[in-house]
Amino acid sequence: GMWNVPKYSNPEGVVYSDETVARLA
């Protein structure tokens, strides 16, 4: 498995890009 906080990640506030989300899916 893998942990993800895809929107405003804890702690950096990163929003996963569309490309990253597509590759994960």
PDBML (XML) file of the C-alpha atoms, coordinates in Angstrom:
<?xml version="1.0" encoding="UTF-8" ?>
<PDBx:datablock datablockName="MODEL"
   xmlns:PDBx="http://pdbml.pdb.org/schema/pdbx-v50.xsd"
   xmlns:xsi="http://www.w3.org/2001/XMLSchema-instance"
   xsi:schemaLocation="http://pdbml.pdb.org/schema/pdbx-v50.xsd pdbx-v50.xsd">
   <PDBx:atom_siteCategory>
      <PDBx:atom_site id="1">
         <PDBx:B_iso_or_equiv>0.00</PDBx:B_iso_or_equiv>
         <PDBx:Cartn_x>0.000</PDBx:Cartn_x>
         <PDBx:Cartn_y>0.000</PDBx:Cartn_y>
         <PDBx:Cartn_z>0.000</PDBx:Cartn_z>
         <PDBx:auth_asym_id>A</PDBx:auth_asym_id>
         <PDBx:auth_atom_id>CA</PDBx:auth_atom_id>
         <PDBx:auth_comp_id>GLY</PDBx:auth_comp_id>
         <PDBx:auth_seq_id>1</PDBx:auth_seq_id>
         <PDBx:group_PDB>ATOM</PDBx:group_PDB>
         <PDBx:label_alt_id xsi:nil="true" />
         <PDBx:label_asym_id>A</PDBx:label_asym_id>
         <PDBx:label_atom_id>CA</PDBx:label_atom_id>
         <PDBx:label_comp_id>GLY</PDBx:label_comp_id>
         <PDBx:label_entity_id>1</PDBx:label_entity_id>
         <PDBx:label_seq_id>1</PDBx:label_seq_id>
         <PDBx:occupancy>1.00</PDBx:occupancy>
         <PDBx:pdbx_PDB_model_num>1</PDBx:pdbx_PDB_model_num>
         <PDBx:type_symbol>C</PDBx:type_symbol>
      </PDBx:atom_site>
      <PDBx:atom_site id="2">
         <PDBx:B_iso_or_equiv>0.00</PDBx:B_iso_or_equiv>
         <PDBx:Cartn_x>0.765</PDBx:Cartn_x>
         <PDBx:Cartn_y>3.684</PDBx:Cartn_y>
         <PDBx:Cartn_z>-0.101</PDBx:Cartn_z>
         <PDBx:auth_asym_id>A</PDBx:auth_asym_id>
         <PDBx:auth_atom_id>CA</PDBx:auth_atom_id>
         <PDBx:auth_comp_id>MET</PDBx:auth_comp_id>
         <PDBx:auth_seq_id>2</PDBx:auth_seq_id>
         <PDBx:group_PDB>ATOM</PDBx:group_PDB>
         <PDBx:label_alt_id xsi:nil="true" />
         <PDBx:label_asym_id>A</PDBx:label_asym_id>
         <PDBx:label_atom_id>CA</PDBx:label_atom_id>
         <PDBx:label_comp_id>MET</PDBx:label_comp_id>
         <PDBx:label_entity_id>1</PDBx:label_entity_id>
         <PDBx:label_seq_id>2</PDBx:label_seq_id>
         <PDBx:occupancy>1.00</PDBx:occupancy>
         <PDBx:pdbx_PDB_model_num>1</PDBx:pdbx_PDB_model_num>
         <PDBx:type_symbol>C</PDBx:type_symbol>
      </PDBx:atom_site>
      <PDBx:atom_site id="3">
         <PDBx:B_iso_or_equiv>0.00</PDBx:B_iso_or_equiv>
         <PDBx:Cartn_x>-0.258</PDBx:Cartn_x>
         <PDBx:Cartn_y>6.738</PDBx:Cartn_y>
         <PDBx:Cartn_z>1.901</PDBx:Cartn_z>
         <PDBx:auth_asym_id>A</PDBx:auth_asym_id>
         <PDBx:auth_atom_id>CA</PDBx:auth_atom_id>
         <PDBx:auth_comp_id>TRP</PDBx:auth_comp_id>
         <PDBx:auth_seq_id>3</PDBx:auth_seq_id>
         <PDBx:group_PDB>ATOM</PDBx:group_PDB>
         <PDBx:label_alt_id xsi:nil="true" />
         <PDBx:label_asym_id>A</PDBx:label_asym_id>
         <PDBx:label_atom_id>CA</PDBx:label_atom_id>
         <PDBx:label_comp_id>TRP</PDBx:label_comp_id>
         <PDBx:label_entity_id>1</PDBx:label_entity_id>
         <PDBx:label_seq_id>3</PDBx:label_seq_id>
         <PDBx:occupancy>1.00</PDBx:occupancy>
         <PDBx:pdbx_PDB_model_num>1</PDBx:pdbx_PDB_model_num>
         <PDBx:type_symbol>C</PDBx:type_symbol>
      </PDBx:atom_site>
      <PDBx:atom_site id="4">
         <PDBx:B_iso_or_equiv>0.00</PDBx:B_iso_or_equiv>
         <PDBx:Cartn_x>-1.502</PDBx:Cartn_x>
         <PDBx:Cartn_y>9.797</PDBx:Cartn_y>
         <PDBx:Cartn_z>0.024</PDBx:Cartn_z>
         <PDBx:auth_asym_id>A</PDBx:auth_asym_id>
         <PDBx:auth_atom_id>CA</PDBx:auth_atom_id>
         <PDBx:auth_comp_id>ASN</PDBx:auth_comp_id>
         <PDBx:auth_seq_id>4</PDBx:auth_seq_id>
         <PDBx:group_PDB>ATOM</PDBx:group_PDB>
         <PDBx:label_alt_id xsi:nil="true" />
         <PDBx:label_asym_id>A</PDBx:label_asym_id>
         <PDBx:label_atom_id>CA</PDBx:label_atom_id>
         <PDBx:label_comp_id>ASN</PDBx:label_comp_id>
         <PDBx:label_entity_id>1</PDBx:label_entity_id>
         <PDBx:label_seq_id>4</PDBx:label_seq_id>
         <PDBx:occupancy>1.00</PDBx:occupancy>
         <PDBx:pdbx_PDB_model_num>1</PDBx:pdbx_PDB_model_num>
         <PDBx:type_symbol>C</PDBx:type_symbol>
      </PDBx:atom_site>
      <PDBx:atom_site id="5">
         <PDBx:B_iso_or_equiv>0.00</PDBx:B_iso_or_equiv>
         <PDBx:Cartn_x>-2.798</PDBx:Cartn_x>
         <PDBx:Cartn_y>13.231</PDBx:Cartn_y>
         <PDBx:Cartn_z>1.009</PDBx:Cartn_z>
         <PDBx:auth_asym_id>A</PDBx:auth_asym_id>
         <PDBx:auth_atom_id>CA</PDBx:auth_atom_id>
         <PDBx:auth_comp_id>VAL</PDBx:auth_comp_id>
         <PDBx:auth_seq_id>5</PDBx:auth_seq_id>
         <PDBx:group_PDB>ATOM</PDBx:group_PDB>
         <PDBx:label_alt_id xsi:nil="true" />
         <PDBx:label_asym_id>A</PDBx:label_asym_id>
         <PDBx:label_atom_id>CA</PDBx:label_atom_id>
         <PDBx:label_comp_id>VAL</PDBx:label_comp_id>
         <PDBx:label_entity_id>1</PDBx:label_entity_id>
         <PDBx:label_seq_id>5</PDBx:label_seq_id>
         <PDBx:occupancy>1.00</PDBx:occupancy>
         <PDBx:pdbx_PDB_model_num>1</PDBx:pdbx_PDB_model_num>
         <PDBx:type_symbol>C</PDBx:type_symbol>
      </PDBx:atom_site>
      <PDBx:atom_site id="6">
         <PDBx:B_iso_or_equiv>0.00</PDBx:B_iso_or_equiv>
         <PDBx:Cartn_x>-3.595</PDBx:Cartn_x>
         <PDBx:Cartn_y>14.338</PDBx:Cartn_y>
         <PDBx:Cartn_z>-2.555</PDBx:Cartn_z>
         <PDBx:auth_asym_id>A</PDBx:auth_asym_id>
         <PDBx:auth_atom_id>CA</PDBx:auth_atom_id>
         <PDBx:auth_comp_id>PRO</PDBx:auth_comp_id>
         <PDBx:auth_seq_id>6</PDBx:auth_seq_id>
         <PDBx:group_PDB>ATOM</PDBx:group_PDB>
         <PDBx:label_alt_id xsi:nil="true" />
         <PDBx:label_asym_id>A</PDBx:label_asym_id>
         <PDBx:label_atom_id>CA</PDBx:label_atom_id>
         <PDBx:label_comp_id>PRO</PDBx:label_comp_id>
         <PDBx:label_entity_id>1</PDBx:label_entity_id>
         <PDBx:label_seq_id>6</PDBx:label_seq_id>
         <PDBx:occupancy>1.00</PDBx:occupancy>
         <PDBx:pdbx_PDB_model_num>1</PDBx:pdbx_PDB_model_num>
         <PDBx:type_symbol>C</PDBx:type_symbol>
      </PDBx:atom_site>
      <PDBx:atom_site id="7">
         <PDBx:B_iso_or_equiv>0.00</PDBx:B_iso_or_equiv>
         <PDBx:Cartn_x>-4.809</PDBx:Cartn_x>
         <PDBx:Cartn_y>17.867</PDBx:Cartn_y>
         <PDBx:Cartn_z>-1.932</PDBx:Cartn_z>
         <PDBx:auth_asym_id>A</PDBx:auth_asym_id>
         <PDBx:auth_atom_id>CA</PDBx:auth_atom_id>
         <PDBx:auth_comp_id>LYS</PDBx:auth_comp_id>
         <PDBx:auth_seq_id>7</PDBx:auth_seq_id>
         <PDBx:group_PDB>ATOM</PDBx:group_PDB>
         <PDBx:label_alt_id xsi:nil="true" />
         <PDBx:label_asym_id>A</PDBx:label_asym_id>
         <PDBx:label_atom_id>CA</PDBx:label_atom_id>
         <PDBx:label_comp_id>LYS</PDBx:label_comp_id>
         <PDBx:label_entity_id>1</PDBx:label_entity_id>
         <PDBx:label_seq_id>7</PDBx:label_seq_id>
         <PDBx:occupancy>1.00</PDBx:occupancy>
         <PDBx:pdbx_PDB_model_num>1</PDBx:pdbx_PDB_model_num>
         <PDBx:type_symbol>C</PDBx:type_symbol>
      </PDBx:atom_site>
      <PDBx:atom_site id="8">
         <PDBx:B_iso_or_equiv>0.00</PDBx:B_iso_or_equiv>
         <PDBx:Cartn_x>-2.890</PDBx:Cartn_x>
         <PDBx:Cartn_y>20.306</PDBx:Cartn_y>
         <PDBx:Cartn_z>0.283</PDBx:Cartn_z>
         <PDBx:auth_asym_id>A</PDBx:auth_asym_id>
         <PDBx:auth_atom_id>CA</PDBx:auth_atom_id>
         <PDBx:auth_comp_id>TYR</PDBx:auth_comp_id>
         <PDBx:auth_seq_id>8</PDBx:auth_seq_id>
         <PDBx:group_PDB>ATOM</PDBx:group_PDB>
         <PDBx:label_alt_id xsi:nil="true" />
         <PDBx:label_asym_id>A</PDBx:label_asym_id>
         <PDBx:label_atom_id>CA</PDBx:label_atom_id>
         <PDBx:label_comp_id>TYR</PDBx:label_comp_id>
         <PDBx:label_entity_id>1</PDBx:label_entity_id>
         <PDBx:label_seq_id>8</PDBx:label_seq_id>
         <PDBx:occupancy>1.00</PDBx:occupancy>
         <PDBx:pdbx_PDB_model_num>1</PDBx:pdbx_PDB_model_num>
         <PDBx:type_symbol>C</PDBx:type_symbol>
      </PDBx:atom_site>
      <PDBx:atom_site id="9">
         <PDBx:B_iso_or_equiv>0.00</PDBx:B_iso_or_equiv>
         <PDBx:Cartn_x>-0.645</PDBx:Cartn_x>
         <PDBx:Cartn_y>17.524</PDBx:Cartn_y>
         <PDBx:Cartn_z>1.530</PDBx:Cartn_z>
         <PDBx:auth_asym_id>A</PDBx:auth_asym_id>
         <PDBx:auth_atom_id>CA</PDBx:auth_atom_id>
         <PDBx:auth_comp_id>SER</PDBx:auth_comp_id>
         <PDBx:auth_seq_id>9</PDBx:auth_seq_id>
         <PDBx:group_PDB>ATOM</PDBx:group_PDB>
         <PDBx:label_alt_id xsi:nil="true" />
         <PDBx:label_asym_id>A</PDBx:label_asym_id>
         <PDBx:label_atom_id>CA</PDBx:label_atom_id>
         <PDBx:label_comp_id>SER</PDBx:label_comp_id>
         <PDBx:label_entity_id>1</PDBx:label_entity_id>
         <PDBx:label_seq_id>9</PDBx:label_seq_id>
         <PDBx:occupancy>1.00</PDBx:occupancy>
         <PDBx:pdbx_PDB_model_num>1</PDBx:pdbx_PDB_model_num>
         <PDBx:type_symbol>C</PDBx:type_symbol>
      </PDBx:atom_site>
      <PDBx:atom_site id="10">
         <PDBx:B_iso_or_equiv>0.00</PDBx:B_iso_or_equiv>
         <PDBx:Cartn_x>0.381</PDBx:Cartn_x>
         <PDBx:Cartn_y>17.417</PDBx:Cartn_y>
         <PDBx:Cartn_z>5.162</PDBx:Cartn_z>
         <PDBx:auth_asym_id>A</PDBx:auth_asym_id>
         <PDBx:auth_atom_id>CA</PDBx:auth_atom_id>
         <PDBx:auth_comp_id>ASN</PDBx:auth_comp_id>
         <PDBx:auth_seq_id>10</PDBx:auth_seq_id>
         <PDBx:group_PDB>ATOM</PDBx:group_PDB>
         <PDBx:label_alt_id xsi:nil="true" />
         <PDBx:label_asym_id>A</PDBx:label_asym_id>
         <PDBx:label_atom_id>CA</PDBx:label_atom_id>
         <PDBx:label_comp_id>ASN</PDBx:label_comp_id>
         <PDBx:label_entity_id>1</PDBx:label_entity_id>
         <PDBx:label_seq_id>10</PDBx:label_seq_id>
         <PDBx:occupancy>1.00</PDBx:occupancy>
         <PDBx:pdbx_PDB_model_num>1</PDBx:pdbx_PDB_model_num>
         <PDBx:type_symbol>C</PDBx:type_symbol>
      </PDBx:atom_site>
      <PDBx:atom_site id="11">
         <PDBx:B_iso_or_equiv>0.00</PDBx:B_iso_or_equiv>
         <PDBx:Cartn_x>2.670</PDBx:Cartn_x>
         <PDBx:Cartn_y>19.263</PDBx:Cartn_y>
         <PDBx:Cartn_z>5.740</PDBx:Cartn_z>
         <PDBx:auth_asym_id>A</PDBx:auth_asym_id>
         <PDBx:auth_atom_id>CA</PDBx:auth_atom_id>
         <PDBx:auth_comp_id>PRO</PDBx:auth_comp_id>
         <PDBx:auth_seq_id>11</PDBx:auth_seq_id>
         <PDBx:group_PDB>ATOM</PDBx:group_PDB>
         <PDBx:label_alt_id xsi:nil="true" />
         <PDBx:label_asym_id>A</PDBx:label_asym_id>
         <PDBx:label_atom_id>CA</PDBx:label_atom_id>
         <PDBx:label_comp_id>PRO</PDBx:label_comp_id>
         <PDBx:label_entity_id>1</PDBx:label_entity_id>
         <PDBx:label_seq_id>11</PDBx:label_seq_id>
         <PDBx:occupancy>1.00</PDBx:occupancy>
         <PDBx:pdbx_PDB_model_num>1</PDBx:pdbx_PDB_model_num>
         <PDBx:type_symbol>C</PDBx:type_symbol>
      </PDBx:atom_site>
      <PDBx:atom_site id="12">
         <PDBx:B_iso_or_equiv>0.00</PDBx:B_iso_or_equiv>
         <PDBx:Cartn_x>3.761</PDBx:Cartn_x>
         <PDBx:Cartn_y>20.843</PDBx:Cartn_y>
         <PDBx:Cartn_z>2.429</PDBx:Cartn_z>
         <PDBx:auth_asym_id>A</PDBx:auth_asym_id>
         <PDBx:auth_atom_id>CA</PDBx:auth_atom_id>
         <PDBx:auth_comp_id>GLU</PDBx:auth_comp_id>
         <PDBx:auth_seq_id>12</PDBx:auth_seq_id>
         <PDBx:group_PDB>ATOM</PDBx:group_PDB>
         <PDBx:label_alt_id xsi:nil="true" />
         <PDBx:label_asym_id>A</PDBx:label_asym_id>
         <PDBx:label_atom_id>CA</PDBx:label_atom_id>
         <PDBx:label_comp_id>GLU</PDBx:label_comp_id>
         <PDBx:label_entity_id>1</PDBx:label_entity_id>
         <PDBx:label_seq_id>12</PDBx:label_seq_id>
         <PDBx:occupancy>1.00</PDBx:occupancy>
         <PDBx:pdbx_PDB_model_num>1</PDBx:pdbx_PDB_model_num>
         <PDBx:type_symbol>C</PDBx:type_symbol>
      </PDBx:atom_site>
      <PDBx:atom_site id="13">
         <PDBx:B_iso_or_equiv>0.00</PDBx:B_iso_or_equiv>
         <PDBx:Cartn_x>0.387</PDBx:Cartn_x>
         <PDBx:Cartn_y>21.843</PDBx:Cartn_y>
         <PDBx:Cartn_z>0.981</PDBx:Cartn_z>
         <PDBx:auth_asym_id>A</PDBx:auth_asym_id>
         <PDBx:auth_atom_id>CA</PDBx:auth_atom_id>
         <PDBx:auth_comp_id>GLY</PDBx:auth_comp_id>
         <PDBx:auth_seq_id>13</PDBx:auth_seq_id>
         <PDBx:group_PDB>ATOM</PDBx:group_PDB>
         <PDBx:label_alt_id xsi:nil="true" />
         <PDBx:label_asym_id>A</PDBx:label_asym_id>
         <PDBx:label_atom_id>CA</PDBx:label_atom_id>
         <PDBx:label_comp_id>GLY</PDBx:label_comp_id>
         <PDBx:label_entity_id>1</PDBx:label_entity_id>
         <PDBx:label_seq_id>13</PDBx:label_seq_id>
         <PDBx:occupancy>1.00</PDBx:occupancy>
         <PDBx:pdbx_PDB_model_num>1</PDBx:pdbx_PDB_model_num>
         <PDBx:type_symbol>C</PDBx:type_symbol>
      </PDBx:atom_site>
      <PDBx:atom_site id="14">
         <PDBx:B_iso_or_equiv>0.00</PDBx:B_iso_or_equiv>
         <PDBx:Cartn_x>1.145</PDBx:Cartn_x>
         <PDBx:Cartn_y>20.150</PDBx:Cartn_y>
         <PDBx:Cartn_z>-2.366</PDBx:Cartn_z>
         <PDBx:auth_asym_id>A</PDBx:auth_asym_id>
         <PDBx:auth_atom_id>CA</PDBx:auth_atom_id>
         <PDBx:auth_comp_id>VAL</PDBx:auth_comp_id>
         <PDBx:auth_seq_id>14</PDBx:auth_seq_id>
         <PDBx:group_PDB>ATOM</PDBx:group_PDB>
         <PDBx:label_alt_id xsi:nil="true" />
         <PDBx:label_asym_id>A</PDBx:label_asym_id>
         <PDBx:label_atom_id>CA</PDBx:label_atom_id>
         <PDBx:label_comp_id>VAL</PDBx:label_comp_id>
         <PDBx:label_entity_id>1</PDBx:label_entity_id>
         <PDBx:label_seq_id>14</PDBx:label_seq_id>
         <PDBx:occupancy>1.00</PDBx:occupancy>
         <PDBx:pdbx_PDB_model_num>1</PDBx:pdbx_PDB_model_num>
         <PDBx:type_symbol>C</PDBx:type_symbol>
      </PDBx:atom_site>
      <PDBx:atom_site id="15">
         <PDBx:B_iso_or_equiv>0.00</PDBx:B_iso_or_equiv>
         <PDBx:Cartn_x>-1.783</PDBx:Cartn_x>
         <PDBx:Cartn_y>19.456</PDBx:Cartn_y>
         <PDBx:Cartn_z>-4.699</PDBx:Cartn_z>
         <PDBx:auth_asym_id>A</PDBx:auth_asym_id>
         <PDBx:auth_atom_id>CA</PDBx:auth_atom_id>
         <PDBx:auth_comp_id>VAL</PDBx:auth_comp_id>
         <PDBx:auth_seq_id>15</PDBx:auth_seq_id>
         <PDBx:group_PDB>ATOM</PDBx:group_PDB>
         <PDBx:label_alt_id xsi:nil="true" />
         <PDBx:label_asym_id>A</PDBx:label_asym_id>
         <PDBx:label_atom_id>CA</PDBx:label_atom_id>
         <PDBx:label_comp_id>VAL</PDBx:label_comp_id>
         <PDBx:label_entity_id>1</PDBx:label_entity_id>
         <PDBx:label_seq_id>15</PDBx:label_seq_id>
         <PDBx:occupancy>1.00</PDBx:occupancy>
         <PDBx:pdbx_PDB_model_num>1</PDBx:pdbx_PDB_model_num>
         <PDBx:type_symbol>C</PDBx:type_symbol>
      </PDBx:atom_site>
      <PDBx:atom_site id="16">
         <PDBx:B_iso_or_equiv>0.00</PDBx:B_iso_or_equiv>
         <PDBx:Cartn_x>-1.176</PDBx:Cartn_x>
         <PDBx:Cartn_y>16.330</PDBx:Cartn_y>
         <PDBx:Cartn_z>-6.773</PDBx:Cartn_z>
         <PDBx:auth_asym_id>A</PDBx:auth_asym_id>
         <PDBx:auth_atom_id>CA</PDBx:auth_atom_id>
         <PDBx:auth_comp_id>TYR</PDBx:auth_comp_id>
         <PDBx:auth_seq_id>16</PDBx:auth_seq_id>
         <PDBx:group_PDB>ATOM</PDBx:group_PDB>
         <PDBx:label_alt_id xsi:nil="true" />
         <PDBx:label_asym_id>A</PDBx:label_asym_id>
         <PDBx:label_atom_id>CA</PDBx:label_atom_id>
         <PDBx:label_comp_id>TYR</PDBx:label_comp_id>
         <PDBx:label_entity_id>1</PDBx:label_entity_id>
         <PDBx:label_seq_id>16</PDBx:label_seq_id>
         <PDBx:occupancy>1.00</PDBx:occupancy>
         <PDBx:pdbx_PDB_model_num>1</PDBx:pdbx_PDB_model_num>
         <PDBx:type_symbol>C</PDBx:type_symbol>
      </PDBx:atom_site>
      <PDBx:atom_site id="17">
         <PDBx:B_iso_or_equiv>0.00</PDBx:B_iso_or_equiv>
         <PDBx:Cartn_x>-1.072</PDBx:Cartn_x>
         <PDBx:Cartn_y>17.125</PDBx:Cartn_y>
         <PDBx:Cartn_z>-10.477</PDBx:Cartn_z>
         <PDBx:auth_asym_id>A</PDBx:auth_asym_id>
         <PDBx:auth_atom_id>CA</PDBx:auth_atom_id>
         <PDBx:auth_comp_id>SER</PDBx:auth_comp_id>
         <PDBx:auth_seq_id>17</PDBx:auth_seq_id>
         <PDBx:group_PDB>ATOM</PDBx:group_PDB>
         <PDBx:label_alt_id xsi:nil="true" />
         <PDBx:label_asym_id>A</PDBx:label_asym_id>
         <PDBx:label_atom_id>CA</PDBx:label_atom_id>
         <PDBx:label_comp_id>SER</PDBx:label_comp_id>
         <PDBx:label_entity_id>1</PDBx:label_entity_id>
         <PDBx:label_seq_id>17</PDBx:label_seq_id>
         <PDBx:occupancy>1.00</PDBx:occupancy>
         <PDBx:pdbx_PDB_model_num>1</PDBx:pdbx_PDB_model_num>
         <PDBx:type_symbol>C</PDBx:type_symbol>
      </PDBx:atom_site>
      <PDBx:atom_site id="18">
         <PDBx:B_iso_or_equiv>0.00</PDBx:B_iso_or_equiv>
         <PDBx:Cartn_x>-3.543</PDBx:Cartn_x>
         <PDBx:Cartn_y>15.548</PDBx:Cartn_y>
         <PDBx:Cartn_z>-12.886</PDBx:Cartn_z>
         <PDBx:auth_asym_id>A</PDBx:auth_asym_id>
         <PDBx:auth_atom_id>CA</PDBx:auth_atom_id>
         <PDBx:auth_comp_id>ASP</PDBx:auth_comp_id>
         <PDBx:auth_seq_id>18</PDBx:auth_seq_id>
         <PDBx:group_PDB>ATOM</PDBx:group_PDB>
         <PDBx:label_alt_id xsi:nil="true" />
         <PDBx:label_asym_id>A</PDBx:label_asym_id>
         <PDBx:label_atom_id>CA</PDBx:label_atom_id>
         <PDBx:label_comp_id>ASP</PDBx:label_comp_id>
         <PDBx:label_entity_id>1</PDBx:label_entity_id>
         <PDBx:label_seq_id>18</PDBx:label_seq_id>
         <PDBx:occupancy>1.00</PDBx:occupancy>
         <PDBx:pdbx_PDB_model_num>1</PDBx:pdbx_PDB_model_num>
         <PDBx:type_symbol>C</PDBx:type_symbol>
      </PDBx:atom_site>
      <PDBx:atom_site id="19">
         <PDBx:B_iso_or_equiv>0.00</PDBx:B_iso_or_equiv>
         <PDBx:Cartn_x>-0.706</PDBx:Cartn_x>
         <PDBx:Cartn_y>13.517</PDBx:Cartn_y>
         <PDBx:Cartn_z>-14.370</PDBx:Cartn_z>
         <PDBx:auth_asym_id>A</PDBx:auth_asym_id>
         <PDBx:auth_atom_id>CA</PDBx:auth_atom_id>
         <PDBx:auth_comp_id>GLU</PDBx:auth_comp_id>
         <PDBx:auth_seq_id>19</PDBx:auth_seq_id>
         <PDBx:group_PDB>ATOM</PDBx:group_PDB>
         <PDBx:label_alt_id xsi:nil="true" />
         <PDBx:label_asym_id>A</PDBx:label_asym_id>
         <PDBx:label_atom_id>CA</PDBx:label_atom_id>
         <PDBx:label_comp_id>GLU</PDBx:label_comp_id>
         <PDBx:label_entity_id>1</PDBx:label_entity_id>
         <PDBx:label_seq_id>19</PDBx:label_seq_id>
         <PDBx:occupancy>1.00</PDBx:occupancy>
         <PDBx:pdbx_PDB_model_num>1</PDBx:pdbx_PDB_model_num>
         <PDBx:type_symbol>C</PDBx:type_symbol>
      </PDBx:atom_site>
      <PDBx:atom_site id="20">
         <PDBx:B_iso_or_equiv>0.00</PDBx:B_iso_or_equiv>
         <PDBx:Cartn_x>0.321</PDBx:Cartn_x>
         <PDBx:Cartn_y>12.170</PDBx:Cartn_y>
         <PDBx:Cartn_z>-10.959</PDBx:Cartn_z>
         <PDBx:auth_asym_id>A</PDBx:auth_asym_id>
         <PDBx:auth_atom_id>CA</PDBx:auth_atom_id>
         <PDBx:auth_comp_id>THR</PDBx:auth_comp_id>
         <PDBx:auth_seq_id>20</PDBx:auth_seq_id>
         <PDBx:group_PDB>ATOM</PDBx:group_PDB>
         <PDBx:label_alt_id xsi:nil="true" />
         <PDBx:label_asym_id>A</PDBx:label_asym_id>
         <PDBx:label_atom_id>CA</PDBx:label_atom_id>
         <PDBx:label_comp_id>THR</PDBx:label_comp_id>
         <PDBx:label_entity_id>1</PDBx:label_entity_id>
         <PDBx:label_seq_id>20</PDBx:label_seq_id>
         <PDBx:occupancy>1.00</PDBx:occupancy>
         <PDBx:pdbx_PDB_model_num>1</PDBx:pdbx_PDB_model_num>
         <PDBx:type_symbol>C</PDBx:type_symbol>
      </PDBx:atom_site>
      <PDBx:atom_site id="21">
         <PDBx:B_iso_or_equiv>0.00</PDBx:B_iso_or_equiv>
         <PDBx:Cartn_x>-3.256</PDBx:Cartn_x>
         <PDBx:Cartn_y>11.215</PDBx:Cartn_y>
         <PDBx:Cartn_z>-10.088</PDBx:Cartn_z>
         <PDBx:auth_asym_id>A</PDBx:auth_asym_id>
         <PDBx:auth_atom_id>CA</PDBx:auth_atom_id>
         <PDBx:auth_comp_id>VAL</PDBx:auth_comp_id>
         <PDBx:auth_seq_id>21</PDBx:auth_seq_id>
         <PDBx:group_PDB>ATOM</PDBx:group_PDB>
         <PDBx:label_alt_id xsi:nil="true" />
         <PDBx:label_asym_id>A</PDBx:label_asym_id>
         <PDBx:label_atom_id>CA</PDBx:label_atom_id>
         <PDBx:label_comp_id>VAL</PDBx:label_comp_id>
         <PDBx:label_entity_id>1</PDBx:label_entity_id>
         <PDBx:label_seq_id>21</PDBx:label_seq_id>
         <PDBx:occupancy>1.00</PDBx:occupancy>
         <PDBx:pdbx_PDB_model_num>1</PDBx:pdbx_PDB_model_num>
         <PDBx:type_symbol>C</PDBx:type_symbol>
      </PDBx:atom_site>
      <PDBx:atom_site id="22">
         <PDBx:B_iso_or_equiv>0.00</PDBx:B_iso_or_equiv>
         <PDBx:Cartn_x>-3.676</PDBx:Cartn_x>
         <PDBx:Cartn_y>9.502</PDBx:Cartn_y>
         <PDBx:Cartn_z>-13.469</PDBx:Cartn_z>
         <PDBx:auth_asym_id>A</PDBx:auth_asym_id>
         <PDBx:auth_atom_id>CA</PDBx:auth_atom_id>
         <PDBx:auth_comp_id>ALA</PDBx:auth_comp_id>
         <PDBx:auth_seq_id>22</PDBx:auth_seq_id>
         <PDBx:group_PDB>ATOM</PDBx:group_PDB>
         <PDBx:label_alt_id xsi:nil="true" />
         <PDBx:label_asym_id>A</PDBx:label_asym_id>
         <PDBx:label_atom_id>CA</PDBx:label_atom_id>
         <PDBx:label_comp_id>ALA</PDBx:label_comp_id>
         <PDBx:label_entity_id>1</PDBx:label_entity_id>
         <PDBx:label_seq_id>22</PDBx:label_seq_id>
         <PDBx:occupancy>1.00</PDBx:occupancy>
         <PDBx:pdbx_PDB_model_num>1</PDBx:pdbx_PDB_model_num>
         <PDBx:type_symbol>C</PDBx:type_symbol>
      </PDBx:atom_site>
      <PDBx:atom_site id="23">
         <PDBx:B_iso_or_equiv>0.00</PDBx:B_iso_or_equiv>
         <PDBx:Cartn_x>-0.458</PDBx:Cartn_x>
         <PDBx:Cartn_y>7.522</PDBx:Cartn_y>
         <PDBx:Cartn_z>-13.014</PDBx:Cartn_z>
         <PDBx:auth_asym_id>A</PDBx:auth_asym_id>
         <PDBx:auth_atom_id>CA</PDBx:auth_atom_id>
         <PDBx:auth_comp_id>ARG</PDBx:auth_comp_id>
         <PDBx:auth_seq_id>23</PDBx:auth_seq_id>
         <PDBx:group_PDB>ATOM</PDBx:group_PDB>
         <PDBx:label_alt_id xsi:nil="true" />
         <PDBx:label_asym_id>A</PDBx:label_asym_id>
         <PDBx:label_atom_id>CA</PDBx:label_atom_id>
         <PDBx:label_comp_id>ARG</PDBx:label_comp_id>
         <PDBx:label_entity_id>1</PDBx:label_entity_id>
         <PDBx:label_seq_id>23</PDBx:label_seq_id>
         <PDBx:occupancy>1.00</PDBx:occupancy>
         <PDBx:pdbx_PDB_model_num>1</PDBx:pdbx_PDB_model_num>
         <PDBx:type_symbol>C</PDBx:type_symbol>
      </PDBx:atom_site>
      <PDBx:atom_site id="24">
         <PDBx:B_iso_or_equiv>0.00</PDBx:B_iso_or_equiv>
         <PDBx:Cartn_x>-1.507</PDBx:Cartn_x>
         <PDBx:Cartn_y>6.431</PDBx:Cartn_y>
         <PDBx:Cartn_z>-9.530</PDBx:Cartn_z>
         <PDBx:auth_asym_id>A</PDBx:auth_asym_id>
         <PDBx:auth_atom_id>CA</PDBx:auth_atom_id>
         <PDBx:auth_comp_id>LEU</PDBx:auth_comp_id>
         <PDBx:auth_seq_id>24</PDBx:auth_seq_id>
         <PDBx:group_PDB>ATOM</PDBx:group_PDB>
         <PDBx:label_alt_id xsi:nil="true" />
         <PDBx:label_asym_id>A</PDBx:label_asym_id>
         <PDBx:label_atom_id>CA</PDBx:label_atom_id>
         <PDBx:label_comp_id>LEU</PDBx:label_comp_id>
         <PDBx:label_entity_id>1</PDBx:label_entity_id>
         <PDBx:label_seq_id>24</PDBx:label_seq_id>
         <PDBx:occupancy>1.00</PDBx:occupancy>
         <PDBx:pdbx_PDB_model_num>1</PDBx:pdbx_PDB_model_num>
         <PDBx:type_symbol>C</PDBx:type_symbol>
      </PDBx:atom_site>
      <PDBx:atom_site id="25">
         <PDBx:B_iso_or_equiv>0.00</PDBx:B_iso_or_equiv>
         <PDBx:Cartn_x>-4.938</PDBx:Cartn_x>
         <PDBx:Cartn_y>5.334</PDBx:Cartn_y>
         <PDBx:Cartn_z>-10.754</PDBx:Cartn_z>
         <PDBx:auth_asym_id>A</PDBx:auth_asym_id>
         <PDBx:auth_atom_id>CA</PDBx:auth_atom_id>
         <PDBx:auth_comp_id>ALA</PDBx:auth_comp_id>
         <PDBx:auth_seq_id>25</PDBx:auth_seq_id>
         <PDBx:group_PDB>ATOM</PDBx:group_PDB>
         <PDBx:label_alt_id xsi:nil="true" />
         <PDBx:label_asym_id>A</PDBx:label_asym_id>
         <PDBx:label_atom_id>CA</PDBx:label_atom_id>
         <PDBx:label_comp_id>ALA</PDBx:label_comp_id>
         <PDBx:label_entity_id>1</PDBx:label_entity_id>
         <PDBx:label_seq_id>25</PDBx:label_seq_id>
         <PDBx:occupancy>1.00</PDBx:occupancy>
         <PDBx:pdbx_PDB_model_num>1</PDBx:pdbx_PDB_model_num>
         <PDBx:type_symbol>C</PDBx:type_symbol>
      </PDBx:atom_site>
   </PDBx:atom_siteCategory>
</PDBx:datablock>
